[in-house]
């Protein structure tokens, strides 16, 4: 009996219809088993939450985050901060959590059962936190620059995440290679702002090179311009002229007071002389028994002494104020125009 010619073709077709096993995907990264110290901290945090000490529990999870950098610890810090109404911290750590875990449909790491519920709860809390705070996208012209907000260092440029801040005015700054730049920024609740900071490091370098090439210069005191003792102060013009003007005005005012005192002293001298003649005319022995003439003489003599002392003191003060104005004009005035740069919720504890 002849074998059918189509048997090999039929066999090949059946072979092609069979599913080919897919290559096994590599397992997702998984958090190492917690150490004994980490287990103790986790248990302490659970106990504190049960006691209602949310702030203390959050601090324990913050310690765990610094030790492990795990997504679960970032999750717990964010969720507990939300319960404390510290919305900026909550948004910061929940952003870290989202970045570490991915999404329920495309997780970046191994996630435990119930992950989707925790993820959705975190999303809801994050959206609520963002209603209360603003976000700053800080961009710096130089990579590797220190970025600060209100004096608190947040990292180095480029920052990979927004900076969450309370609504209002904030100081955003960056510093790199001795160059510092700062910009005030206002942000509203729920708002976003992009902040550009440009660090002109080339101008800093060219200025330093020019100063090195010029070398030290002699000052009026015979010292070096580079010497701190010999270099005259650099004062703002308004401060300089207000100081000099105030001293000059004081000198003029004291001079006027001294002049008026001299006039009054001369008038009092005339009155004293007239009173003295009346006293002598009434009695050759002076004022043994007193009387109106003697009282007038005593009053005039006191006025002479008072006005004379006032005039002397006013003229001395006027001279000192004038000298001070001259010294201030010299000390506070710049020797040459110079440009100087400054250097600048519920707690859901999960482990994965």
Protein backbone atom coordinates (compact mmCIF):
# COMPACT_ATOMS: atom_id res chain seq x y z
CA UNK A 1 0.00 0.00 0.00
CA UNK A 2 1.37 3.40 -1.01
CA UNK A 3 1.97 6.04 1.71
CA UNK A 4 0.22 9.39 1.08
CA UNK A 5 2.54 12.07 -0.30
CA UNK A 6 1.08 14.84 1.87
CA UNK A 7 2.05 13.31 5.26
CA UNK A 8 5.27 15.43 5.71
CA UNK A 9 3.38 18.59 4.83
CA UNK A 10 0.64 17.77 7.31
CA UNK A 11 3.20 17.09 10.03
CA UNK A 12 4.94 20.42 9.36
CA UNK A 13 1.65 22.31 9.57
CA UNK A 14 0.77 20.66 12.87
CA UNK A 15 4.22 21.60 14.20
CA UNK A 16 3.79 25.24 13.26
CA UNK A 17 0.42 25.40 15.00
CA UNK A 18 1.90 24.31 18.32
CA UNK A 19 2.60 27.31 20.63
CA UNK A 20 6.26 28.02 21.24
CA UNK A 21 7.04 28.57 24.93
CA UNK A 22 7.90 32.25 25.60
CA UNK A 23 11.21 33.13 27.21
CA UNK A 24 10.84 33.61 30.94
CA UNK A 25 10.95 37.27 31.99
CA UNK A 26 13.57 38.16 34.62
CA UNK A 27 12.10 38.55 38.12
CA UNK A 28 11.50 42.05 39.38
CA UNK A 29 13.92 43.43 42.01
CA UNK A 30 12.88 42.65 45.52
CA UNK A 31 13.82 44.33 48.77
CA UNK A 32 16.32 42.34 50.85
CA UNK A 33 15.02 40.77 54.03
CA UNK A 34 15.02 43.37 56.82
CA UNK A 35 17.74 43.14 59.41
CA UNK A 36 17.01 42.69 63.10
CA UNK A 37 17.46 46.44 63.68
CA UNK A 38 15.04 47.27 60.86
CA UNK A 39 12.48 44.80 62.21
CA UNK A 40 12.72 46.45 65.64
CA UNK A 41 12.14 49.89 64.11
CA UNK A 42 9.14 48.64 62.12
CA UNK A 43 7.63 47.15 65.26
CA UNK A 44 8.29 50.38 67.16
CA UNK A 45 6.52 52.39 64.43
CA UNK A 46 3.46 50.08 64.55
CA UNK A 47 3.28 50.45 68.32
CA UNK A 48 3.51 54.24 68.12
CA UNK A 49 0.71 54.38 65.54
CA UNK A 50 -1.50 52.23 67.75
CA UNK A 51 -0.80 54.67 70.61
CA UNK A 52 -1.77 57.63 68.42
CA UNK A 53 1.74 59.07 68.35
CA UNK A 54 1.74 59.72 64.63
CA UNK A 55 4.61 62.24 64.58
CA UNK A 56 6.92 59.85 66.46
CA UNK A 57 5.96 56.98 64.16
CA UNK A 58 6.69 59.12 61.11
CA UNK A 59 10.14 59.96 62.48
CA UNK A 60 10.88 56.26 62.95
CA UNK A 61 9.91 55.55 59.35
CA UNK A 62 12.06 58.49 58.29
CA UNK A 63 14.99 56.81 60.04
CA UNK A 64 14.16 53.58 58.22
CA UNK A 65 14.06 55.47 54.91
CA UNK A 66 17.54 56.86 55.52
CA UNK A 67 18.78 53.35 56.25
CA UNK A 68 17.12 51.49 53.39
CA UNK A 69 15.84 53.97 50.80
CA UNK A 70 13.02 51.52 50.11
CA UNK A 71 9.69 52.33 48.48
CA UNK A 72 7.72 51.05 51.47
CA UNK A 73 9.48 53.38 53.88
CA UNK A 74 8.94 56.33 51.53
CA UNK A 75 5.25 55.31 51.36
CA UNK A 76 4.90 55.27 55.14
CA UNK A 77 6.68 58.60 55.61
CA UNK A 78 4.43 60.20 53.01
CA UNK A 79 1.19 58.75 54.38
CA UNK A 80 1.97 59.64 57.99
CA UNK A 81 3.05 63.15 57.00
CA UNK A 82 -0.30 63.54 55.26
CA UNK A 83 -2.10 62.62 58.47
CA UNK A 84 -0.04 65.30 60.24
CA UNK A 85 -1.11 67.85 57.58
CA UNK A 86 2.55 68.32 56.61
CA UNK A 87 1.58 68.38 52.98
CA UNK A 88 4.95 69.38 51.49
CA UNK A 89 6.71 66.41 53.13
CA UNK A 90 3.83 64.10 52.18
CA UNK A 91 4.00 65.12 48.52
CA UNK A 92 7.81 64.80 48.48
CA UNK A 93 7.90 61.22 49.77
CA UNK A 94 4.86 60.04 47.86
CA UNK A 95 6.56 61.28 44.69
CA UNK A 96 9.58 59.17 45.62
CA UNK A 97 7.25 56.21 46.22
CA UNK A 98 5.59 56.55 42.80
CA UNK A 99 8.96 56.80 41.11
CA UNK A 100 10.29 53.68 42.85
CA UNK A 101 7.30 51.35 42.36
CA UNK A 102 6.01 52.35 38.91
CA UNK A 103 2.30 51.63 38.39
CA UNK A 104 0.02 48.65 39.14
CA UNK A 105 0.05 47.77 35.44
CA UNK A 106 3.81 48.18 35.05
CA UNK A 107 5.55 47.80 38.42
CA UNK A 108 9.29 48.46 38.57
CA UNK A 109 9.88 46.25 41.59
CA UNK A 110 8.23 43.24 43.21
CA UNK A 111 5.03 44.32 44.94
CA UNK A 112 3.03 42.45 47.57
CA UNK A 113 -0.65 41.53 47.36
CA UNK A 114 -2.87 44.53 47.95
CA UNK A 115 -0.40 46.85 46.24
CA UNK A 116 -3.04 48.35 43.97
CA UNK A 117 -5.20 49.47 46.90
CA UNK A 118 -2.21 51.09 48.61
CA UNK A 119 -1.19 52.76 45.37
CA UNK A 120 -4.65 54.24 44.78
CA UNK A 121 -4.83 55.51 48.37
CA UNK A 122 -1.44 57.17 47.93
CA UNK A 123 -2.66 58.80 44.71
CA UNK A 124 -5.73 60.23 46.48
CA UNK A 125 -3.65 61.59 49.36
CA UNK A 126 -1.09 63.06 46.98
CA UNK A 127 -3.78 64.90 45.02
CA UNK A 128 -5.24 66.30 48.24
CA UNK A 129 -1.79 67.39 49.49
CA UNK A 130 -1.11 69.21 46.22
CA UNK A 131 -4.21 71.34 46.79
CA UNK A 132 -2.50 72.88 49.83
CA UNK A 133 1.03 73.45 48.50
CA UNK A 134 2.94 74.75 45.51
CA UNK A 135 5.59 73.08 43.38
CA UNK A 136 8.83 74.58 42.06
CA UNK A 137 10.67 73.19 39.06
CA UNK A 138 14.20 74.50 39.67
CA UNK A 139 16.51 74.50 36.67
CA UNK A 140 20.15 75.59 36.94
CA UNK A 141 22.47 76.43 34.06
CA UNK A 142 25.38 74.50 35.61
CA UNK A 143 25.12 70.79 36.51
CA UNK A 144 26.43 69.87 39.93
CA UNK A 145 25.40 73.16 41.57
CA UNK A 146 24.01 73.16 45.12
CA UNK A 147 20.31 74.05 45.06
CA UNK A 148 18.75 75.72 48.10
CA UNK A 149 15.24 76.88 48.95
CA UNK A 150 14.93 79.27 51.89
CA UNK A 151 18.48 78.36 52.87
CA UNK A 152 17.80 74.60 53.00
CA UNK A 153 19.94 72.54 50.65
CA UNK A 154 17.87 70.15 48.54
CA UNK A 155 20.52 68.51 46.39
CA UNK A 156 22.57 69.25 43.31
CA UNK A 157 21.42 70.20 39.83
CA UNK A 158 19.74 68.88 37.84
CA UNK A 159 16.96 68.09 40.29
CA UNK A 160 14.90 65.12 39.12
CA UNK A 161 11.75 65.97 41.10
CA UNK A 162 9.81 69.16 41.87
CA UNK A 163 10.34 70.98 45.13
CA UNK A 164 7.13 71.19 47.17
CA UNK A 165 6.74 74.34 49.28
CA UNK A 166 4.06 76.11 51.29
CA UNK A 167 2.19 78.91 49.50
CA UNK A 168 3.86 82.31 49.62
CA UNK A 169 7.24 83.89 48.95
CA UNK A 170 10.40 81.79 48.87
CA UNK A 171 14.11 82.31 48.16
CA UNK A 172 15.51 79.92 45.55
CA UNK A 173 19.28 79.95 45.10
CA UNK A 174 22.15 77.99 43.59
CA UNK A 175 25.90 78.11 44.11
CA UNK A 176 28.73 76.61 42.13
CA UNK A 177 32.48 77.28 41.93
CA UNK A 178 32.24 80.35 44.15
CA UNK A 179 29.35 81.87 42.19
CA UNK A 180 26.01 82.41 43.94
CA UNK A 181 22.67 83.45 42.44
CA UNK A 182 19.35 83.90 44.23
CA UNK A 183 15.83 84.64 43.04
CA UNK A 184 12.66 85.39 45.03
CA UNK A 185 9.68 83.33 43.88
CA UNK A 186 6.02 83.46 44.86
CA UNK A 187 3.82 80.39 44.47
CA UNK A 188 0.15 79.75 45.19
CA UNK A 189 -1.52 76.69 46.70
CA UNK A 190 -1.88 74.08 43.97
CA UNK A 191 0.30 76.13 41.63
CA UNK A 192 3.48 75.30 39.72
CA UNK A 193 6.41 77.59 38.95
CA UNK A 194 9.54 77.02 36.88
CA UNK A 195 12.61 78.81 38.22
CA UNK A 196 15.64 79.41 36.01
CA UNK A 197 18.95 80.14 37.74
CA UNK A 198 21.88 81.17 35.56
CA UNK A 199 25.35 80.92 37.11
CA UNK A 200 27.86 83.06 35.20
CA UNK A 201 30.98 81.08 36.07
CA UNK A 202 32.87 82.43 33.05
CA UNK A 203 32.70 86.00 34.36
CA UNK A 204 33.94 84.77 37.73
CA UNK A 205 36.87 82.98 36.13
CA UNK A 206 37.81 85.95 33.90
CA UNK A 207 37.61 88.35 36.84
CA UNK A 208 39.87 86.15 38.94
CA UNK A 209 42.36 85.87 36.08
CA UNK A 210 42.40 89.65 35.57
CA UNK A 211 42.97 90.26 39.29
CA UNK A 212 45.83 87.77 39.33
CA UNK A 213 47.44 89.37 36.25
CA UNK A 214 47.17 92.91 37.67
CA UNK A 215 48.81 91.95 40.96
CA UNK A 216 48.60 93.89 44.23
CA UNK A 217 48.29 97.69 44.04
CA UNK A 218 49.54 100.24 46.57
CA UNK A 219 47.00 102.10 48.66
CA UNK A 220 47.22 105.62 50.05
CA UNK A 221 48.48 104.25 53.32
CA UNK A 222 51.48 102.65 51.64
CA UNK A 223 50.23 99.11 52.17
CA UNK A 224 48.84 96.60 49.65
CA UNK A 225 45.35 96.71 48.20
CA UNK A 226 45.09 93.02 49.00
CA UNK A 227 45.66 93.70 52.68
CA UNK A 228 42.53 93.69 54.80
CA UNK A 229 43.92 96.37 57.11
CA UNK A 230 44.89 98.70 54.27
CA UNK A 231 41.79 98.29 52.09
CA UNK A 232 39.22 101.01 52.63
CA UNK A 233 35.65 99.97 53.24
CA UNK A 234 33.18 99.60 50.41
CA UNK A 235 30.02 101.36 51.51
CA UNK A 236 26.82 102.01 49.64
CA UNK A 237 26.64 105.66 48.41
CA UNK A 238 23.38 106.36 50.27
CA UNK A 239 24.88 105.24 53.60
CA UNK A 240 28.09 107.17 52.93
CA UNK A 241 26.41 110.46 52.11
CA UNK A 242 23.83 110.17 54.87
CA UNK A 243 26.65 109.72 57.39
CA UNK A 244 28.71 112.64 56.09
CA UNK A 245 25.64 114.87 55.73
CA UNK A 246 24.43 114.11 59.26
CA UNK A 247 27.81 114.99 60.76
CA UNK A 248 28.09 118.17 58.69
CA UNK A 249 24.57 119.24 59.67
CA UNK A 250 25.36 118.57 63.32
CA UNK A 251 28.47 120.73 63.06
CA UNK A 252 26.49 123.59 61.53
CA UNK A 253 23.73 123.33 64.12
CA UNK A 254 26.22 123.36 66.99
CA UNK A 255 27.93 126.37 65.47
CA UNK A 256 24.62 128.26 65.40
CA UNK A 257 23.93 127.28 69.02
CA UNK A 258 27.39 128.51 70.01
CA UNK A 259 26.85 131.82 68.22
CA UNK A 260 23.48 132.39 69.93
CA UNK A 261 25.05 131.53 73.28
CA UNK A 262 27.81 134.12 72.71
CA UNK A 263 25.24 136.84 71.96
CA UNK A 264 23.26 135.97 75.09
CA UNK A 265 26.46 135.81 77.16
CA UNK A 266 27.41 139.33 76.00
CA UNK A 267 23.93 140.64 76.87
CA UNK A 268 24.11 138.99 80.29
CA UNK A 269 27.55 140.59 80.83
CA UNK A 270 26.10 144.02 80.19
CA UNK A 271 23.27 143.35 82.62
CA UNK A 272 25.73 142.14 85.24
CA UNK A 273 27.83 145.30 84.90
CA UNK A 274 24.77 147.52 85.27
CA UNK A 275 23.59 145.54 88.31
CA UNK A 276 27.09 145.79 89.80
CA UNK A 277 27.06 149.60 89.46
CA UNK A 278 23.66 149.78 91.16
CA UNK A 279 24.93 147.64 94.02
CA UNK A 280 27.96 149.91 94.51
CA UNK A 281 25.79 153.00 94.42
CA UNK A 282 23.53 151.64 97.12
CA UNK A 283 26.21 150.33 99.45
CA UNK A 284 29.99 150.49 99.46
CA UNK A 285 30.12 147.12 101.26
CA UNK A 286 28.50 145.09 98.47
CA UNK A 287 25.45 143.01 99.35
CA UNK A 288 25.61 142.21 103.03
CA UNK A 289 21.84 142.37 103.41
CA UNK A 290 20.72 141.42 99.92
CA UNK A 291 18.06 143.33 98.03
CA UNK A 292 16.69 143.68 94.49
CA UNK A 293 19.94 145.04 93.09
CA UNK A 294 21.92 142.17 94.56
CA UNK A 295 19.43 139.61 93.20
CA UNK A 296 19.66 141.13 89.71
CA UNK A 297 23.46 140.98 89.89
CA UNK A 298 23.42 137.30 90.93
CA UNK A 299 20.96 136.38 88.17
CA UNK A 300 22.97 138.20 85.50
CA UNK A 301 26.21 136.60 86.72
CA UNK A 302 24.64 133.14 86.49
CA UNK A 303 23.42 133.81 82.95
CA UNK A 304 26.91 134.90 81.91
CA UNK A 305 28.50 131.73 83.22
CA UNK A 306 25.79 129.48 81.71
CA UNK A 307 25.88 131.05 78.26
CA UNK A 308 29.68 131.13 78.22
CA UNK A 309 29.88 127.42 79.06
CA UNK A 310 27.22 126.61 76.47
CA UNK A 311 29.05 128.57 73.78
CA UNK A 312 32.37 126.86 74.51
CA UNK A 313 30.77 123.39 74.48
CA UNK A 314 28.83 124.09 71.27
CA UNK A 315 31.94 125.30 69.42
CA UNK A 316 33.95 122.28 70.57
CA UNK A 317 31.14 119.94 69.43
CA UNK A 318 30.88 121.74 66.09
CA UNK A 319 34.59 121.26 65.52
CA UNK A 320 34.46 117.58 66.40
CA UNK A 321 31.44 117.00 64.13
CA UNK A 322 33.17 118.78 61.26
CA UNK A 323 36.27 116.64 61.77
CA UNK A 324 34.10 113.52 61.88
CA UNK A 325 32.41 114.47 58.60
CA UNK A 326 35.80 114.79 56.95
CA UNK A 327 37.02 111.47 58.32
CA UNK A 328 33.79 109.73 57.29
CA UNK A 329 34.01 111.14 53.79
CA UNK A 330 37.54 109.73 53.48
CA UNK A 331 37.02 106.36 55.19
CA UNK A 332 33.62 105.50 53.71
CA UNK A 333 34.34 106.82 50.23
CA UNK A 334 35.70 104.27 47.73
CA UNK A 335 39.18 104.92 46.50
CA UNK A 336 38.30 103.82 42.96
CA UNK A 337 35.15 102.25 41.49
CA UNK A 338 35.45 98.51 42.11
CA UNK A 339 33.23 95.50 41.42
CA UNK A 340 33.30 92.72 43.96
CA UNK A 341 31.50 89.36 43.55
CA UNK A 342 30.28 87.49 46.59
CA UNK A 343 31.41 83.90 47.08
CA UNK A 344 29.70 82.88 47.80
CA UNK A 345 -4.57 58.86 55.71
CA UNK A 346 -4.11 55.59 57.41
CA UNK A 347 -0.92 53.81 57.98
CA UNK A 348 -0.56 50.80 55.74
CA UNK A 349 2.73 49.14 56.58
CA UNK A 350 4.08 47.16 53.67
CA UNK A 351 7.47 45.61 53.12
CA UNK A 352 9.00 45.19 49.68
